[in-house]
Amino acid sequence: MKFEVLPGHSVVADKPYLPGETLELSDKEGQRLTARKIVKPVKEAPPRSNAKDTIRRVEAAESIKDLDELAEGEDRDTVLKAIEKRRAELAG
């Protein structure tokens, strides 16, 4: 699991890790260092679905709120265009 070194600390593993750097630790070691407030777990983003699948979800969205959730963090032009098109459909 990945962990980030907290300010004011360093961790020596395969090399020295300074504040803000991430490193891989076993769950047990990560929990130990997290409890001592030396590191914190890094949440990894789930894998992103391909554009075709995302556009299908956009087309099936039943509310503006659903579209807002799909738009969050989205940067693909084709998906953003599909979201805007579906917004217009739902609004009118």
Foldseek 3Di string as FASTA:
>chain_A
DKKAFDPPAWDADVHIGHHGDMDDDDPVVQVVCVVVVGIGDDDDDDDDDDLVVLLVQLQVDDDLVSLVVSPVVDDDPVNVVSNVVSVVVNVD
